[in-house]
């Protein structure tokens, strides 16, 4: 499934990208994620794009109390 324009890019595409690029260094993955955030903003998508595991694991968990 290949998107034809930026508005067709969704979470499923981003997750597939991260799975295909698991070997990226955390700093590089973060740079890609920042670029994806810009695309997310340009296309008026709510929230943020999915983060790669190397970034998501290193962030502190929110207090759920």
N, C-alpha and C. Protein backbone atom coordinates (compact mmCIF):
# COMPACT_ATOMS: atom_id res chain seq x y z
N UNK A 1 0.85 -1.18 0.00
CA UNK A 1 0.00 0.00 0.00
C UNK A 1 0.89 1.24 0.00
N UNK A 2 0.91 1.94 -1.09
CA UNK A 2 1.76 3.12 -1.23
C UNK A 2 0.89 4.37 -1.30
N UNK A 3 1.16 5.34 -0.42
CA UNK A 3 0.39 6.59 -0.48
C UNK A 3 0.75 7.39 -1.73
N UNK A 4 -0.24 8.10 -2.25
CA UNK A 4 -0.02 8.92 -3.44
C UNK A 4 0.23 10.39 -3.10
N UNK A 5 -0.09 10.77 -1.86
CA UNK A 5 0.19 12.14 -1.43
C UNK A 5 0.35 12.14 0.09
N UNK A 6 0.78 13.26 0.64
CA UNK A 6 1.07 13.34 2.08
C UNK A 6 -0.17 13.07 2.94
N UNK A 7 -1.33 13.45 2.45
CA UNK A 7 -2.55 13.28 3.24
C UNK A 7 -2.93 11.80 3.42
N UNK A 8 -2.40 10.93 2.59
CA UNK A 8 -2.69 9.51 2.69
C UNK A 8 -1.78 8.79 3.69
N UNK A 9 -0.75 9.45 4.17
CA UNK A 9 0.16 8.82 5.12
C UNK A 9 -0.52 8.75 6.48
N UNK A 10 -0.55 7.56 7.04
CA UNK A 10 -1.19 7.36 8.34
C UNK A 10 -0.29 6.61 9.30
N UNK A 11 -0.84 6.31 10.46
CA UNK A 11 -0.06 5.62 11.50
C UNK A 11 0.46 4.28 11.01
N UNK A 12 -0.33 3.59 10.22
CA UNK A 12 0.09 2.27 9.72
C UNK A 12 1.35 2.39 8.87
N UNK A 13 1.43 3.45 8.04
CA UNK A 13 2.62 3.66 7.22
C UNK A 13 3.85 3.97 8.07
N UNK A 14 3.63 4.78 9.11
CA UNK A 14 4.74 5.16 9.99
C UNK A 14 5.25 3.94 10.75
N UNK A 15 4.35 3.12 11.27
CA UNK A 15 4.76 1.91 11.99
C UNK A 15 5.51 0.97 11.07
N UNK A 16 5.05 0.81 9.84
CA UNK A 16 5.75 -0.04 8.87
C UNK A 16 7.15 0.51 8.58
N UNK A 17 7.26 1.84 8.51
CA UNK A 17 8.57 2.46 8.30
C UNK A 17 9.51 2.14 9.46
N UNK A 18 9.01 2.29 10.71
CA UNK A 18 9.86 2.01 11.87
C UNK A 18 10.27 0.54 11.91
N UNK A 19 9.37 -0.35 11.56
CA UNK A 19 9.71 -1.78 11.54
C UNK A 19 10.79 -2.08 10.50
N UNK A 20 10.71 -1.40 9.37
CA UNK A 20 11.69 -1.63 8.30
C UNK A 20 13.04 -0.99 8.60
N UNK A 21 13.07 -0.05 9.56
CA UNK A 21 14.30 0.67 9.88
C UNK A 21 14.65 0.57 11.36
N UNK A 22 14.50 -0.62 11.91
CA UNK A 22 14.79 -0.84 13.33
C UNK A 22 16.24 -0.60 13.69
N UNK A 23 17.12 -0.65 12.69
CA UNK A 23 18.56 -0.53 12.96
C UNK A 23 19.05 0.91 13.00
N UNK A 24 18.15 1.89 12.88
CA UNK A 24 18.58 3.30 12.94
C UNK A 24 19.10 3.64 14.33
N UNK A 25 20.11 4.46 14.37
CA UNK A 25 20.61 4.96 15.65
C UNK A 25 19.53 5.82 16.28
N UNK A 26 19.44 5.85 17.61
CA UNK A 26 18.40 6.65 18.27
C UNK A 26 18.39 8.11 17.83
N UNK A 27 19.55 8.70 17.65
CA UNK A 27 19.62 10.11 17.23
C UNK A 27 19.04 10.27 15.82
N UNK A 28 19.34 9.34 14.93
CA UNK A 28 18.82 9.39 13.56
C UNK A 28 17.32 9.15 13.56
N UNK A 29 16.87 8.17 14.34
CA UNK A 29 15.43 7.88 14.44
C UNK A 29 14.68 9.11 14.95
N UNK A 30 15.27 9.80 15.92
CA UNK A 30 14.63 11.00 16.46
C UNK A 30 14.52 12.08 15.38
N UNK A 31 15.56 12.23 14.57
CA UNK A 31 15.55 13.22 13.49
C UNK A 31 14.46 12.89 12.48
N UNK A 32 14.32 11.61 12.13
CA UNK A 32 13.25 11.18 11.23
C UNK A 32 11.89 11.47 11.86
N UNK A 33 11.76 11.17 13.15
CA UNK A 33 10.49 11.39 13.83
C UNK A 33 10.11 12.87 13.83
N UNK A 34 11.09 13.75 14.03
CA UNK A 34 10.81 15.19 13.98
C UNK A 34 10.31 15.60 12.60
N UNK A 35 10.90 15.03 11.56
CA UNK A 35 10.43 15.32 10.20
C UNK A 35 9.00 14.80 10.00
N UNK A 36 8.71 13.63 10.55
CA UNK A 36 7.35 13.09 10.46
C UNK A 36 6.36 13.97 11.22
N UNK A 37 6.79 14.58 12.31
CA UNK A 37 5.93 15.51 13.05
C UNK A 37 5.55 16.71 12.18
N UNK A 38 6.48 17.18 11.37
CA UNK A 38 6.20 18.30 10.46
C UNK A 38 5.15 17.87 9.43
N UNK A 39 5.33 16.68 8.86
CA UNK A 39 4.35 16.16 7.90
C UNK A 39 2.98 16.04 8.57
N UNK A 40 2.97 15.54 9.80
CA UNK A 40 1.72 15.39 10.56
C UNK A 40 1.02 16.74 10.70
N UNK A 41 1.82 17.77 11.00
CA UNK A 41 1.27 19.12 11.18
C UNK A 41 0.74 19.66 9.85
N UNK A 42 1.51 19.49 8.77
CA UNK A 42 1.10 19.98 7.45
C UNK A 42 -0.22 19.37 7.00
N UNK A 43 -0.44 18.10 7.37
CA UNK A 43 -1.64 17.40 6.92
C UNK A 43 -2.78 17.49 7.94
N UNK A 44 -2.61 18.31 8.98
CA UNK A 44 -3.65 18.54 9.99
C UNK A 44 -4.13 17.26 10.68
N UNK A 45 -3.21 16.33 10.89
CA UNK A 45 -3.56 15.10 11.61
C UNK A 45 -3.50 15.37 13.11
N UNK A 46 -4.41 14.79 13.88
CA UNK A 46 -4.40 15.02 15.33
C UNK A 46 -3.24 14.29 16.02
N UNK A 47 -2.79 14.85 17.12
CA UNK A 47 -1.74 14.21 17.92
C UNK A 47 -0.40 14.23 17.22
N UNK A 48 0.37 13.17 17.48
CA UNK A 48 1.70 13.03 16.91
C UNK A 48 1.81 11.68 16.21
N UNK A 49 2.74 11.56 15.27
CA UNK A 49 2.96 10.27 14.62
C UNK A 49 3.56 9.28 15.62
N UNK A 50 3.40 7.98 15.37
CA UNK A 50 4.00 6.99 16.25
C UNK A 50 5.52 7.17 16.34
N UNK A 51 6.04 6.97 17.54
CA UNK A 51 7.48 7.10 17.76
C UNK A 51 8.14 5.74 17.57
N UNK A 52 9.42 5.74 17.18
CA UNK A 52 10.14 4.47 17.11
C UNK A 52 10.36 3.94 18.51
N UNK A 53 10.51 2.65 18.64
CA UNK A 53 10.67 2.04 19.96
C UNK A 53 11.87 2.58 20.71
N UNK A 54 12.96 2.89 20.01
CA UNK A 54 14.15 3.37 20.70
C UNK A 54 13.91 4.72 21.37
N UNK A 55 12.98 5.50 20.86
CA UNK A 55 12.63 6.78 21.50
C UNK A 55 11.57 6.54 22.57
N UNK A 56 10.56 5.76 22.24
CA UNK A 56 9.46 5.52 23.17
C UNK A 56 9.95 4.84 24.45
N UNK A 57 10.92 3.94 24.35
CA UNK A 57 11.44 3.24 25.53
C UNK A 57 12.23 4.15 26.45
N UNK A 58 12.90 5.16 25.87
CA UNK A 58 13.77 6.02 26.68
C UNK A 58 13.02 7.15 27.37
N UNK A 59 11.76 7.38 26.98
CA UNK A 59 10.98 8.45 27.61
C UNK A 59 10.42 7.98 28.94
N UNK A 60 10.36 8.87 29.91
CA UNK A 60 9.78 8.49 31.20
C UNK A 60 8.27 8.27 31.04
N UNK A 61 7.77 7.29 31.76
CA UNK A 61 6.34 6.99 31.75
C UNK A 61 5.59 8.09 32.48
N UNK A 62 4.40 8.45 31.96
CA UNK A 62 3.57 9.44 32.63
C UNK A 62 2.97 8.81 33.88
N UNK A 63 2.84 9.59 34.92
CA UNK A 63 2.25 9.10 36.15
C UNK A 63 0.77 8.86 35.93
N UNK A 64 0.33 7.64 36.15
CA UNK A 64 -1.06 7.27 35.89
C UNK A 64 -1.87 7.17 37.18
N UNK A 65 -1.49 7.88 38.24
CA UNK A 65 -2.23 7.79 39.49
C UNK A 65 -3.36 8.79 39.55
